[in-house]
């Protein structure tokens, strides 16, 4: 899966996976509810769902389930980030996209 993920620099995408991981941590501890944590939590949720919306709305053939919810996408990305700290230097958008493609492969 990681073969299709770009190791592009920060300038190649809006954010990198280090920042995405920071947002994930805030998302996971949202109960703290400091203003900074809530902003990072919202960034995390919004960034992932924006990638999903772009994939589903574009002229691309994606096999994401029609009845899936945003929480499912967030859990899949969170699990990948937690289990792969060695991938934090990748471009966030390509990592999210590749992770979700692996989670929802097209049936042949």
Protein backbone atom coordinates (compact mmCIF):
# COMPACT_ATOMS: atom_id res chain seq x y z
CA UNK A 1 0.00 0.00 0.00
CA UNK A 2 2.70 2.51 0.85
CA UNK A 3 4.11 2.30 -2.66
CA UNK A 4 1.44 4.74 -3.85
CA UNK A 5 2.01 7.19 -1.01
CA UNK A 6 4.10 10.23 -1.77
CA UNK A 7 6.91 11.26 0.54
CA UNK A 8 6.40 14.78 -0.77
CA UNK A 9 7.51 17.81 1.15
CA UNK A 10 5.17 19.97 3.17
CA UNK A 11 4.83 22.28 0.16
CA UNK A 12 3.36 19.40 -1.87
CA UNK A 13 0.20 19.20 0.25
CA UNK A 14 -1.76 21.20 2.78
CA UNK A 15 -0.38 19.25 5.70
CA UNK A 16 1.89 16.38 6.54
CA UNK A 17 1.20 13.28 8.60
CA UNK A 18 3.03 14.66 11.65
CA UNK A 19 0.46 17.44 11.88
CA UNK A 20 -2.36 14.99 11.10
CA UNK A 21 -1.12 12.77 13.94
CA UNK A 22 -1.12 15.76 16.30
CA UNK A 23 -4.73 16.49 15.30
CA UNK A 24 -5.61 12.82 15.86
CA UNK A 25 -4.30 12.96 19.42
CA UNK A 26 -6.46 16.03 20.07
CA UNK A 27 -9.42 14.29 18.45
CA UNK A 28 -8.93 11.26 20.70
CA UNK A 29 -8.75 13.33 23.88
CA UNK A 30 -11.49 15.76 22.90
CA UNK A 31 -12.98 15.42 26.39
CA UNK A 32 -10.30 17.86 27.58
CA UNK A 33 -12.12 20.48 25.48
CA UNK A 34 -9.50 23.20 25.53
CA UNK A 35 -9.88 25.58 22.62
CA UNK A 36 -6.64 24.32 21.06
CA UNK A 37 -7.71 20.67 21.35
CA UNK A 38 -11.11 21.39 19.84
CA UNK A 39 -9.55 23.20 16.89
CA UNK A 40 -7.07 20.37 16.26
CA UNK A 41 -9.87 17.83 16.67
CA UNK A 42 -11.97 19.67 14.10
CA UNK A 43 -8.99 19.91 11.76
CA UNK A 44 -8.46 16.14 11.99
CA UNK A 45 -12.09 15.28 11.32
CA UNK A 46 -12.45 17.86 8.56
CA UNK A 47 -9.22 16.97 6.78
CA UNK A 48 -10.05 13.26 6.57
CA UNK A 49 -13.64 13.83 5.48
CA UNK A 50 -12.49 16.34 2.87
CA UNK A 51 -10.25 13.64 1.33
CA UNK A 52 -13.19 11.20 1.35
CA UNK A 53 -15.55 13.75 -0.19
CA UNK A 54 -13.00 14.51 -2.89
CA UNK A 55 -12.56 10.82 -3.67
CA UNK A 56 -16.30 10.15 -3.78
CA UNK A 57 -17.18 13.31 -5.67
CA UNK A 58 -14.45 13.15 -8.27
CA UNK A 59 -14.38 11.22 -11.49
CA UNK A 60 -12.60 8.35 -9.79
CA UNK A 61 -13.66 4.77 -9.32
CA UNK A 62 -13.70 4.30 -5.56
CA UNK A 63 -15.18 1.34 -3.75
CA UNK A 64 -15.95 3.02 -0.45
CA UNK A 65 -19.20 1.63 1.02
CA UNK A 66 -22.21 3.80 0.34
CA UNK A 67 -23.55 3.39 3.87
CA UNK A 68 -20.29 4.19 5.67
CA UNK A 69 -20.12 7.06 8.15
CA UNK A 70 -17.40 9.62 8.76
CA UNK A 71 -16.53 7.98 12.09
CA UNK A 72 -15.60 4.78 10.25
CA UNK A 73 -13.13 6.62 8.00
CA UNK A 74 -11.63 8.42 10.98
CA UNK A 75 -11.18 5.16 12.93
CA UNK A 76 -9.45 3.51 9.96
CA UNK A 77 -7.01 6.41 9.53
CA UNK A 78 -6.44 6.68 13.30
CA UNK A 79 -5.62 2.98 13.56
CA UNK A 80 -3.12 3.28 10.71
CA UNK A 81 -1.43 6.34 12.27
CA UNK A 82 -1.19 4.68 15.67
CA UNK A 83 0.25 1.47 14.20
CA UNK A 84 2.68 3.11 11.77
CA UNK A 85 4.63 5.94 13.44
CA UNK A 86 7.41 5.36 10.91
CA UNK A 87 5.15 6.79 8.17
CA UNK A 88 4.70 10.24 9.73
CA UNK A 89 6.91 11.90 7.11
CA UNK A 90 4.48 11.08 4.27
CA UNK A 91 2.06 13.49 2.68
CA UNK A 92 -1.18 13.40 4.72
CA UNK A 93 -3.59 13.44 1.79
CA UNK A 94 -1.90 10.57 -0.05
CA UNK A 95 -1.57 8.51 3.15
CA UNK A 96 -5.27 8.94 3.99
CA UNK A 97 -6.29 8.07 0.46
CA UNK A 98 -4.04 4.99 0.29
CA UNK A 99 -5.13 3.79 3.74
CA UNK A 100 -8.81 4.02 2.80
CA UNK A 101 -8.23 2.33 -0.57
CA UNK A 102 -6.58 -0.55 1.26
CA UNK A 103 -9.47 -0.74 3.73
CA UNK A 104 -12.06 -0.73 0.94
CA UNK A 105 -10.53 -2.54 -2.04
CA UNK A 106 -12.58 -2.85 -5.21
CA UNK A 107 -13.91 -6.33 -5.80
CA UNK A 108 -12.65 -7.89 -8.99
